[in-house]
Amino acid sequence: MINFASTLMKTSFQNVQDLKAHIFSLGINIVGVAELSKLSNIPAGLSIDLTKFFKRYPYAIVIGAQFGKPGKGASGDETALYLEKIAMMSWNILRKKDINI
């Protein structure tokens, strides 16, 4: 299995910009790629070693939308489902480019 964000970051800056542009076009207000490897030494409140996790997943794609973005008066659950839908659509783009999660 290929780590999608790591591969995405290594392939080219343009790939990241293209993905971000696509996510913005879907109505997302905030999108970014975060490097997680620097967090490996930060206490997480859990008594588990997260080193392997951060080594396997050094990046995360972060998306966010204004509360109620799916519609006026939308609940928190509706907003969460909206964000999940965008995440799945983004995953599908990566999958079509043979970048697996």
PDB file of N, CA and C in Angstrom:
ATOM      1  N   MET A   1       0.833  -1.175   0.000  1.00  0.00           N
ATOM      2  CA  MET A   1       0.000   0.000   0.000  1.00  0.00           C
ATOM      3  C   MET A   1       0.883   1.245   0.000  1.00  0.00           C
ATOM      4  N   ILE A   2       0.553   2.182  -0.840  1.00  0.00           N
ATOM      5  CA  ILE A   2       1.311   3.426  -0.939  1.00  0.00           C
ATOM      6  C   ILE A   2       0.661   4.467  -0.047  1.00  0.00           C
ATOM      7  N   ASN A   3       1.451   5.186   0.712  1.00  0.00           N
ATOM      8  CA  ASN A   3       0.925   6.272   1.520  1.00  0.00           C
ATOM      9  C   ASN A   3       0.588   7.418   0.571  1.00  0.00           C
ATOM     10  N   PHE A   4      -0.698   7.731   0.435  1.00  0.00           N
ATOM     11  CA  PHE A   4      -1.124   8.672  -0.590  1.00  0.00           C
ATOM     12  C   PHE A   4      -0.559  10.071  -0.416  1.00  0.00           C
ATOM     13  N   ALA A   5      -0.559  10.595   0.789  1.00  0.00           N
ATOM     14  CA  ALA A   5      -0.092  11.969   0.967  1.00  0.00           C
ATOM     15  C   ALA A   5       1.409  12.065   0.776  1.00  0.00           C
ATOM     16  N   SER A   6       2.149  11.073   1.274  1.00  0.00           N
ATOM     17  CA  SER A   6       3.589  11.073   1.097  1.00  0.00           C
ATOM     18  C   SER A   6       3.934  11.016  -0.391  1.00  0.00           C
ATOM     19  N   THR A   7       3.255  10.132  -1.117  1.00  0.00           N
ATOM     20  CA  THR A   7       3.479  10.020  -2.554  1.00  0.00           C
ATOM     21  C   THR A   7       3.069  11.302  -3.248  1.00  0.00           C
ATOM     22  N   LEU A   8       1.963  11.867  -2.817  1.00  0.00           N
ATOM     23  CA  LEU A   8       1.479  13.111  -3.399  1.00  0.00           C
ATOM     24  C   LEU A   8       2.502  14.218  -3.230  1.00  0.00           C
ATOM     25  N   MET A   9       3.089  14.327  -2.028  1.00  0.00           N
ATOM     26  CA  MET A   9       4.064  15.377  -1.775  1.00  0.00           C
ATOM     27  C   MET A   9       5.354  15.143  -2.567  1.00  0.00           C
ATOM     28  N   LYS A  10       5.750  13.880  -2.736  1.00  0.00           N
ATOM     29  CA  LYS A  10       6.993  13.573  -3.428  1.00  0.00           C
ATOM     30  C   LYS A  10       6.867  13.721  -4.935  1.00  0.00           C
ATOM     31  N   THR A  11       5.671  13.490  -5.484  1.00  0.00           N
ATOM     32  CA  THR A  11       5.529  13.520  -6.932  1.00  0.00           C
ATOM     33  C   THR A  11       5.704  14.923  -7.485  1.00  0.00           C
ATOM     34  N   SER A  12       4.970  15.875  -6.960  1.00  0.00           N
ATOM     35  CA  SER A  12       5.190  17.253  -7.394  1.00  0.00           C
ATOM     36  C   SER A  12       4.324  18.219  -6.616  1.00  0.00           C
ATOM     37  N   PHE A  13       4.830  19.411  -6.532  1.00  0.00           N
ATOM     38  CA  PHE A  13       4.079  20.492  -5.894  1.00  0.00           C
ATOM     39  C   PHE A  13       2.794  20.745  -6.673  1.00  0.00           C
ATOM     40  N   GLN A  14       2.847  20.579  -7.995  1.00  0.00           N
ATOM     41  CA  GLN A  14       1.674  20.822  -8.843  1.00  0.00           C
ATOM     42  C   GLN A  14       0.538  19.860  -8.507  1.00  0.00           C
ATOM     43  N   ASN A  15       0.850  18.603  -8.201  1.00  0.00           N
ATOM     44  CA  ASN A  15      -0.195  17.656  -7.817  1.00  0.00           C
ATOM     45  C   ASN A  15      -0.946  18.130  -6.578  1.00  0.00           C
ATOM     46  N   VAL A  16      -0.201  18.639  -5.610  1.00  0.00           N
ATOM     47  CA  VAL A  16      -0.826  19.148  -4.388  1.00  0.00           C
ATOM     48  C   VAL A  16      -1.711  20.341  -4.733  1.00  0.00           C
ATOM     49  N   GLN A  17      -1.214  21.244  -5.549  1.00  0.00           N
ATOM     50  CA  GLN A  17      -1.993  22.419  -5.928  1.00  0.00           C
ATOM     51  C   GLN A  17      -3.246  22.031  -6.706  1.00  0.00           C
ATOM     52  N   ASP A  18      -3.134  21.044  -7.601  1.00  0.00           N
ATOM     53  CA  ASP A  18      -4.294  20.575  -8.360  1.00  0.00           C
ATOM     54  C   ASP A  18      -5.354  19.976  -7.449  1.00  0.00           C
ATOM     55  N   LEU A  19      -4.912  19.152  -6.488  1.00  0.00           N
ATOM     56  CA  LEU A  19      -5.857  18.546  -5.553  1.00  0.00           C
ATOM     57  C   LEU A  19      -6.540  19.620  -4.713  1.00  0.00           C
ATOM     58  N   LYS A  20      -5.768  20.578  -4.208  1.00  0.00           N
ATOM     59  CA  LYS A  20      -6.340  21.653  -3.407  1.00  0.00           C
ATOM     60  C   LYS A  20      -7.347  22.469  -4.216  1.00  0.00           C
ATOM     61  N   ALA A  21      -7.022  22.769  -5.468  1.00  0.00           N
ATOM     62  CA  ALA A  21      -7.934  23.535  -6.330  1.00  0.00           C
ATOM     63  C   ALA A  21      -9.234  22.768  -6.536  1.00  0.00           C
ATOM     64  N   HIS A  22      -9.128  21.471  -6.739  1.00  0.00           N
ATOM     65  CA  HIS A  22     -10.335  20.664  -6.928  1.00  0.00           C
ATOM     66  C   HIS A  22     -11.197  20.671  -5.669  1.00  0.00           C
ATOM     67  N   ILE A  23     -10.566  20.502  -4.511  1.00  0.00           N
ATOM     68  CA  ILE A  23     -11.326  20.498  -3.257  1.00  0.00           C
ATOM     69  C   ILE A  23     -11.989  21.850  -3.031  1.00  0.00           C
ATOM     70  N   PHE A  24     -11.293  22.936  -3.310  1.00  0.00           N
ATOM     71  CA  PHE A  24     -11.906  24.271  -3.196  1.00  0.00           C
ATOM     72  C   PHE A  24     -13.107  24.382  -4.126  1.00  0.00           C
ATOM     73  N   SER A  25     -13.013  23.803  -5.331  1.00  0.00           N
ATOM     74  CA  SER A  25     -14.110  23.893  -6.303  1.00  0.00           C
ATOM     75  C   SER A  25     -15.363  23.166  -5.817  1.00  0.00           C
ATOM     76  N   LEU A  26     -15.210  22.274  -4.845  1.00  0.00           N
ATOM     77  CA  LEU A  26     -16.346  21.545  -4.285  1.00  0.00           C
ATOM     78  C   LEU A  26     -17.022  22.305  -3.145  1.00  0.00           C
ATOM     79  N   GLY A  27     -16.534  23.505  -2.856  1.00  0.00           N
ATOM     80  CA  GLY A  27     -17.172  24.346  -1.849  1.00  0.00           C
ATOM     81  C   GLY A  27     -16.518  24.335  -0.486  1.00  0.00           C
ATOM     82  N   ILE A  28     -15.347  23.765  -0.392  1.00  0.00           N
ATOM     83  CA  ILE A  28     -14.627  23.727   0.886  1.00  0.00           C
ATOM     84  C   ILE A  28     -13.970  25.084   1.125  1.00  0.00           C
ATOM     85  N   ASN A  29     -14.010  25.554   2.374  1.00  0.00           N
ATOM     86  CA  ASN A  29     -13.426  26.851   2.720  1.00  0.00           C
ATOM     87  C   ASN A  29     -11.947  26.765   3.070  1.00  0.00           C
ATOM     88  N   ILE A  30     -11.523  25.642   3.644  1.00  0.00           N
ATOM     89  CA  ILE A  30     -10.142  25.485   4.099  1.00  0.00           C
ATOM     90  C   ILE A  30      -9.624  24.137   3.620  1.00  0.00           C
ATOM     91  N   VAL A  31      -8.428  24.138   3.029  1.00  0.00           N
ATOM     92  CA  VAL A  31      -7.790  22.883   2.638  1.00  0.00           C
ATOM     93  C   VAL A  31      -6.285  23.046   2.761  1.00  0.00           C
ATOM     94  N   GLY A  32      -5.632  22.006   3.212  1.00  0.00           N
ATOM     95  CA  GLY A  32      -4.188  22.060   3.328  1.00  0.00           C
ATOM     96  C   GLY A  32      -3.609  20.664   3.466  1.00  0.00           C
ATOM     97  N   VAL A  33      -2.316  20.580   3.292  1.00  0.00           N
ATOM     98  CA  VAL A  33      -1.590  19.330   3.509  1.00  0.00           C
ATOM     99  C   VAL A  33      -0.675  19.578   4.693  1.00  0.00           C
ATOM    100  N   ALA A  34      -0.857  18.778   5.735  1.00  0.00           N
ATOM    101  CA  ALA A  34      -0.094  18.959   6.970  1.00  0.00           C
ATOM    102  C   ALA A  34       0.950  17.862   7.117  1.00  0.00           C
ATOM    103  N   GLU A  35       2.156  18.249   7.515  1.00  0.00           N
ATOM    104  CA  GLU A  35       3.207  17.274   7.800  1.00  0.00           C
ATOM    105  C   GLU A  35       3.049  16.806   9.243  1.00  0.00           C
ATOM    106  N   LEU A  36       2.893  15.509   9.435  1.00  0.00           N
ATOM    107  CA  LEU A  36       2.651  14.950  10.762  1.00  0.00           C
ATOM    108  C   LEU A  36       3.904  14.451  11.455  1.00  0.00           C
ATOM    109  N   SER A  37       4.971  14.218  10.707  1.00  0.00           N
ATOM    110  CA  SER A  37       6.162  13.598  11.282  1.00  0.00           C
ATOM    111  C   SER A  37       6.742  14.398  12.447  1.00  0.00           C
ATOM    112  N   LYS A  38       6.565  15.692  12.454  1.00  0.00           N
ATOM    113  CA  LYS A  38       7.099  16.519  13.542  1.00  0.00           C
ATOM    114  C   LYS A  38       6.333  16.317  14.845  1.00  0.00           C
ATOM    115  N   LEU A  39       5.174  15.668  14.775  1.00  0.00           N
ATOM    116  CA  LEU A  39       4.359  15.453  15.971  1.00  0.00           C
ATOM    117  C   LEU A  39       4.748  14.209  16.748  1.00  0.00           C
ATOM    118  N   SER A  40       5.673  13.416  16.220  1.00  0.00           N
ATOM    119  CA  SER A  40       5.987  12.126  16.842  1.00  0.00           C
ATOM    120  C   SER A  40       6.516  12.251  18.268  1.00  0.00           C
ATOM    121  N   ASN A  41       7.087  13.368  18.650  1.00  0.00           N
ATOM    122  CA  ASN A  41       7.628  13.540  20.001  1.00  0.00           C
ATOM    123  C   ASN A  41       6.727  14.356  20.924  1.00  0.00           C
ATOM    124  N   ILE A  42       5.558  14.722  20.447  1.00  0.00           N
ATOM    125  CA  ILE A  42       4.638  15.508  21.255  1.00  0.00           C
ATOM    126  C   ILE A  42       3.741  14.556  22.049  1.00  0.00           C
ATOM    127  N   PRO A  43       3.604  14.751  23.363  1.00  0.00           N
ATOM    128  CA  PRO A  43       2.729  13.884  24.154  1.00  0.00           C
ATOM    129  C   PRO A  43       1.297  13.931  23.634  1.00  0.00           C
ATOM    130  N   ALA A  44       0.696  12.760  23.464  1.00  0.00           N
ATOM    131  CA  ALA A  44      -0.644  12.687  22.913  1.00  0.00           C
ATOM    132  C   ALA A  44      -1.691  12.327  23.957  1.00  0.00           C
ATOM    133  N   GLY A  45      -1.281  12.140  25.197  1.00  0.00           N
ATOM    134  CA  GLY A  45      -2.233  11.758  26.229  1.00  0.00           C
ATOM    135  C   GLY A  45      -2.551  10.275  26.210  1.00  0.00           C
ATOM    136  N   LEU A  46      -1.890   9.550  25.325  1.00  0.00           N
ATOM    137  CA  LEU A  46      -2.083   8.113  25.224  1.00  0.00           C
ATOM    138  C   LEU A  46      -0.770   7.420  25.544  1.00  0.00           C
ATOM    139  N   SER A  47      -0.848   6.265  26.161  1.00  0.00           N
ATOM    140  CA  SER A  47       0.388   5.553  26.501  1.00  0.00           C
ATOM    141  C   SER A  47       0.751   4.553  25.395  1.00  0.00           C
ATOM    142  N   ILE A  48       0.728   5.028  24.145  1.00  0.00           N
ATOM    143  CA  ILE A  48       1.119   4.188  23.016  1.00  0.00           C
ATOM    144  C   ILE A  48       2.198   4.906  22.214  1.00  0.00           C
ATOM    145  N   ASP A  49       3.005   4.131  21.542  1.00  0.00           N
ATOM    146  CA  ASP A  49       4.076   4.690  20.714  1.00  0.00           C
ATOM    147  C   ASP A  49       3.502   5.018  19.337  1.00  0.00           C
ATOM    148  N   LEU A  50       3.432   6.288  19.002  1.00  0.00           N
ATOM    149  CA  LEU A  50       2.874   6.721  17.720  1.00  0.00           C
ATOM    150  C   LEU A  50       3.928   6.864  16.630  1.00  0.00           C
ATOM    151  N   THR A  51       5.174   6.483  16.919  1.00  0.00           N
ATOM    152  CA  THR A  51       6.261   6.645  15.960  1.00  0.00           C
ATOM    153  C   THR A  51       5.974   5.914  14.658  1.00  0.00           C
ATOM    154  N   LYS A  52       5.501   4.667  14.750  1.00  0.00           N
ATOM    155  CA  LYS A  52       5.198   3.891  13.544  1.00  0.00           C
ATOM    156  C   LYS A  52       4.064   4.536  12.737  1.00  0.00           C
ATOM    157  N   PHE A  53       3.074   5.041  13.445  1.00  0.00           N
ATOM    158  CA  PHE A  53       1.949   5.700  12.773  1.00  0.00           C
ATOM    159  C   PHE A  53       2.436   6.900  11.967  1.00  0.00           C
ATOM    160  N   PHE A  54       3.240   7.757  12.594  1.00  0.00           N
ATOM    161  CA  PHE A  54       3.726   8.950  11.904  1.00  0.00           C
ATOM    162  C   PHE A  54       4.725   8.614  10.801  1.00  0.00           C
ATOM    163  N   LYS A  55       5.424   7.506  10.935  1.00  0.00           N
ATOM    164  CA  LYS A  55       6.331   7.083   9.872  1.00  0.00           C
ATOM    165  C   LYS A  55       5.539   6.601   8.657  1.00  0.00           C
ATOM    166  N   ARG A  56       4.445   5.893   8.921  1.00  0.00           N
ATOM    167  CA  ARG A  56       3.612   5.380   7.826  1.00  0.00           C
ATOM    168  C   ARG A  56       2.763   6.482   7.203  1.00  0.00           C
ATOM    169  N   TYR A  57       2.301   7.413   8.005  1.00  0.00           N
ATOM    170  CA  TYR A  57       1.444   8.505   7.533  1.00  0.00           C
ATOM    171  C   TYR A  57       2.060   9.849   7.893  1.00  0.00           C
ATOM    172  N   PRO A  58       3.077  10.300   7.142  1.00  0.00           N
ATOM    173  CA  PRO A  58       3.747  11.550   7.497  1.00  0.00           C
ATOM    174  C   PRO A  58       2.962  12.816   7.109  1.00  0.00           C
ATOM    175  N   TYR A  59       1.908  12.669   6.313  1.00  0.00           N
ATOM    176  CA  TYR A  59       1.126  13.832   5.889  1.00  0.00           C
ATOM    177  C   TYR A  59      -0.363  13.550   6.053  1.00  0.00           C
ATOM    178  N   ALA A  60      -1.129  14.617   6.192  1.00  0.00           N
ATOM    179  CA  ALA A  60      -2.587  14.511   6.243  1.00  0.00           C
ATOM    180  C   ALA A  60      -3.172  15.618   5.377  1.00  0.00           C
ATOM    181  N   ILE A  61      -4.244  15.302   4.713  1.00  0.00           N
ATOM    182  CA  ILE A  61      -4.990  16.324   3.983  1.00  0.00           C
ATOM    183  C   ILE A  61      -6.078  16.808   4.928  1.00  0.00           C
ATOM    184  N   VAL A  62      -6.123  18.112   5.133  1.00  0.00           N
ATOM    185  CA  VAL A  62      -7.039  18.724   6.082  1.00  0.00           C
ATOM    186  C   VAL A  62      -8.073  19.527   5.306  1.00  0.00           C
ATOM    187  N   ILE A  63      -9.368  19.283   5.589  1.00  0.00           N
ATOM    188  CA  ILE A  63     -10.422  20.063   4.953  1.00  0.00           C
ATOM    189  C   ILE A  63     -11.345  20.627   6.020  1.00  0.00           C
ATOM    190  N   GLY A  64     -11.931  21.760   5.724  1.00  0.00           N
ATOM    191  CA  GLY A  64     -12.866  22.371   6.654  1.00  0.00           C
ATOM    192  C   GLY A  64     -13.861  23.242   5.925  1.00  0.00           C
ATOM    193  N   ALA A  65     -15.046  23.322   6.471  1.00  0.00           N
ATOM    194  CA  ALA A  65     -16.094  24.150   5.886  1.00  0.00           C
ATOM    195  C   ALA A  65     -16.804  24.917   6.991  1.00  0.00           C
ATOM    196  N   GLN A  66     -17.328  26.045   6.634  1.00  0.00           N
ATOM    197  CA  GLN A  66     -18.081  26.867   7.574  1.00  0.00           C
ATOM    198  C   GLN A  66     -19.278  26.072   8.086  1.00  0.00           C
ATOM    199  N   PHE A  67     -19.533  26.148   9.379  1.00  0.00           N
ATOM    200  CA  PHE A  67     -20.688  25.456   9.957  1.00  0.00           C
ATOM    201  C   PHE A  67     -21.941  25.879   9.204  1.00  0.00           C
ATOM    202  N   GLY A  68     -22.744  24.927   8.793  1.00  0.00           N
ATOM    203  CA  GLY A  68     -23.950  25.230   8.037  1.00  0.00           C
ATOM    204  C   GLY A  68     -23.713  25.349   6.541  1.00  0.00           C
ATOM    205  N   LYS A  69     -22.511  25.083   6.081  1.00  0.00           N
ATOM    206  CA  LYS A  69     -22.173  25.206   4.658  1.00  0.00           C
ATOM    207  C   LYS A  69     -23.110  24.394   3.751  1.00  0.00           C
ATOM    208  N   PRO A  70     -23.505  23.178   4.154  1.00  0.00           N
ATOM    209  CA  PRO A  70     -24.383  22.394   3.279  1.00  0.00           C
ATOM    210  C   PRO A  70     -25.763  23.027   3.084  1.00  0.00           C
ATOM    211  N   GLY A  71     -26.141  23.927   3.948  1.00  0.00           N
ATOM    212  CA  GLY A  71     -27.434  24.600   3.823  1.00  0.00           C
ATOM    213  C   GLY A  71     -27.738  25.374   5.092  1.00  0.00           C
ATOM    214  N   LYS A  72     -28.574  26.394   4.946  1.00  0.00           N
ATOM    215  CA  LYS A  72     -28.931  27.210   6.098  1.00  0.00           C
ATOM    216  C   LYS A  72     -29.594  26.345   7.161  1.00  0.00           C
ATOM    217  N   GLY A  73     -29.096  26.433   8.360  1.00  0.00           N
ATOM    218  CA  GLY A  73     -29.644  25.665   9.464  1.00  0.00           C
ATOM    219  C   GLY A  73     -29.198  24.214   9.498  1.00  0.00           C
ATOM    220  N   ALA A  74     -28.182  23.877   8.714  1.00  0.00           N
ATOM    221  CA  ALA A  74     -27.687  22.497   8.715  1.00  0.00           C
ATOM    222  C   ALA A  74     -27.102  22.153  10.084  1.00  0.00           C
ATOM    223  N   SER A  75     -27.330  20.934  10.501  1.00  0.00           N
ATOM    224  CA  SER A  75     -26.833  20.490  11.805  1.00  0.00           C
ATOM    225  C   SER A  75     -25.346  20.147  11.722  1.00  0.00           C
ATOM    226  N   GLY A  76     -24.760  19.892  12.885  1.00  0.00           N
ATOM    227  CA  GLY A  76     -23.373  19.454  12.925  1.00  0.00           C
ATOM    228  C   GLY A  76     -23.188  18.130  12.198  1.00  0.00           C
ATOM    229  N   ASP A  77     -24.159  17.226  12.349  1.00  0.00           N
ATOM    230  CA  ASP A  77     -24.087  15.941  11.656  1.00  0.00           C
ATOM    231  C   ASP A  77     -24.136  16.127  10.143  1.00  0.00           C
ATOM    232  N   GLU A  78     -24.990  17.006   9.679  1.00  0.00           N
ATOM    233  CA  GLU A  78     -25.085  17.262   8.229  1.00  0.00           C
ATOM    234  C   GLU A  78     -23.785  17.863   7.696  1.00  0.00           C
ATOM    235  N   THR A  79     -23.180  18.749   8.464  1.00  0.00           N
ATOM    236  CA  THR A  79     -21.902  19.334   8.062  1.00  0.00           C
ATOM    237  C   THR A  79     -20.811  18.269   8.044  1.00  0.00           C
ATOM    238  N   ALA A  80     -20.799  17.390   9.037  1.00  0.00           N
ATOM    239  CA  ALA A  80     -19.812  16.304   9.079  1.00  0.00           C
ATOM    240  C   ALA A  80     -19.983  15.378   7.869  1.00  0.00           C
ATOM    241  N   LEU A  81     -21.212  15.060   7.514  1.00  0.00           N
ATOM    242  CA  LEU A  81     -21.455  14.211   6.336  1.00  0.00           C
ATOM    243  C   LEU A  81     -21.033  14.916   5.052  1.00  0.00           C
ATOM    244  N   TYR A  82     -21.233  16.217   4.996  1.00  0.00           N
ATOM    245  CA  TYR A  82     -20.791  17.010   3.845  1.00  0.00           C
ATOM    246  C   TYR A  82     -19.263  16.913   3.694  1.00  0.00           C
ATOM    247  N   LEU A  83     -18.545  17.084   4.797  1.00  0.00           N
ATOM    248  CA  LEU A  83     -17.087  16.987   4.766  1.00  0.00           C
ATOM    249  C   LEU A  83     -16.639  15.574   4.403  1.00  0.00           C
ATOM    250  N   GLU A  84     -17.339  14.576   4.919  1.00  0.00           N
ATOM    251  CA  GLU A  84     -16.993  13.189   4.592  1.00  0.00           C
ATOM    252  C   GLU A  84     -17.195  12.919   3.098  1.00  0.00           C
ATOM    253  N   LYS A  85     -18.247  13.472   2.534  1.00  0.00           N
ATOM    254  CA  LYS A  85     -18.501  13.314   1.098  1.00  0.00           C
ATOM    255  C   LYS A  85     -17.356  13.918   0.286  1.00  0.00           C
ATOM    256  N   ILE A  86     -16.906  15.106   0.675  1.00  0.00           N
ATOM    257  CA  ILE A  86     -15.789  15.758  -0.019  1.00  0.00           C
ATOM    258  C   ILE A  86     -14.522  14.921   0.130  1.00  0.00           C
ATOM    259  N   ALA A  87     -14.280  14.374   1.323  1.00  0.00           N
ATOM    260  CA  ALA A  87     -13.103  13.532   1.549  1.00  0.00           C
ATOM    261  C   ALA A  87     -13.141  12.303   0.642  1.00  0.00           C
ATOM    262  N   MET A  88     -14.304  11.679   0.512  1.00  0.00           N
ATOM    263  CA  MET A  88     -14.427  10.498  -0.343  1.00  0.00           C
ATOM    264  C   MET A  88     -14.241  10.856  -1.818  1.00  0.00           C
ATOM    265  N   MET A  89     -14.751  11.996  -2.232  1.00  0.00           N
ATOM    266  CA  MET A  89     -14.565  12.433  -3.616  1.00  0.00           C
ATOM    267  C   MET A  89     -13.083  12.692  -3.887  1.00  0.00           C
ATOM    268  N   SER A  90     -12.389  13.257  -2.923  1.00  0.00           N
ATOM    269  CA  SER A  90     -10.955  13.522  -3.063  1.00  0.00           C
ATOM    270  C   SER A  90     -10.175  12.219  -3.103  1.00  0.00           C
ATOM    271  N   TRP A  91     -10.565  11.263  -2.252  1.00  0.00           N
ATOM    272  CA  TRP A  91      -9.924   9.955  -2.262  1.00  0.00           C
ATOM    273  C   TRP A  91     -10.090   9.292  -3.629  1.00  0.00           C
ATOM    274  N   ASN A  92     -11.272   9.444  -4.223  1.00  0.00           N
ATOM    275  CA  ASN A  92     -11.535   8.851  -5.528  1.00  0.00           C
ATOM    276  C   ASN A  92     -10.601   9.429  -6.597  1.00  0.00           C
ATOM    277  N   ILE A  93     -10.314  10.713  -6.518  1.00  0.00           N
ATOM    278  CA  ILE A  93      -9.374  11.342  -7.459  1.00  0.00           C
ATOM    279  C   ILE A  93      -7.991  10.715  -7.298  1.00  0.00           C
ATOM    280  N   LEU A  94      -7.548  10.571  -6.051  1.00  0.00           N
ATOM    281  CA  LEU A  94      -6.240   9.970  -5.788  1.00  0.00           C
ATOM    282  C   LEU A  94      -6.193   8.512  -6.259  1.00  0.00           C
ATOM    283  N   ARG A  95      -7.289   7.793  -6.040  1.00  0.00           N
ATOM    284  CA  ARG A  95      -7.373   6.394  -6.458  1.00  0.00           C
ATOM    285  C   ARG A  95      -7.269   6.264  -7.975  1.00  0.00           C
ATOM    286  N   LYS A  96      -7.911   7.170  -8.703  1.00  0.00           N
ATOM    287  CA  LYS A  96      -7.856   7.143 -10.171  1.00  0.00           C
ATOM    288  C   LYS A  96      -6.453   7.421 -10.675  1.00  0.00           C
ATOM    289  N   LYS A  97      -5.639   8.107  -9.867  1.00  0.00           N
ATOM    290  CA  LYS A  97      -4.251   8.384 -10.238  1.00  0.00           C
ATOM    291  C   LYS A  97      -3.322   7.295  -9.699  1.00  0.00           C
ATOM    292  N   ASP A  98      -3.888   6.172  -9.264  1.00  0.00           N
ATOM    293  CA  ASP A  98      -3.144   5.047  -8.704  1.00  0.00           C
ATOM    294  C   ASP A  98      -2.348   5.414  -7.465  1.00  0.00           C
ATOM    295  N   ILE A  99      -2.856   6.357  -6.695  1.00  0.00           N
ATOM    296  CA  ILE A  99      -2.271   6.694  -5.404  1.00  0.00           C
ATOM    297  C   ILE A  99      -3.232   6.134  -4.363  1.00  0.00           C
ATOM    298  N   ASN A 100      -2.847   5.051  -3.748  1.00  0.00           N
ATOM    299  CA  ASN A 100      -3.726   4.320  -2.832  1.00  0.00           C
ATOM    300  C   ASN A 100      -3.628   4.824  -1.413  1.00  0.00           C
ATOM    301  N   ILE A 101      -4.726   4.670  -0.693  1.00  0.00           N
ATOM    302  CA  ILE A 101      -4.754   5.003   0.733  1.00  0.00           C
ATOM    303  C   ILE A 101      -4.495   3.729   1.489  1.00  0.00           C
TER     304      ILE A 101
END
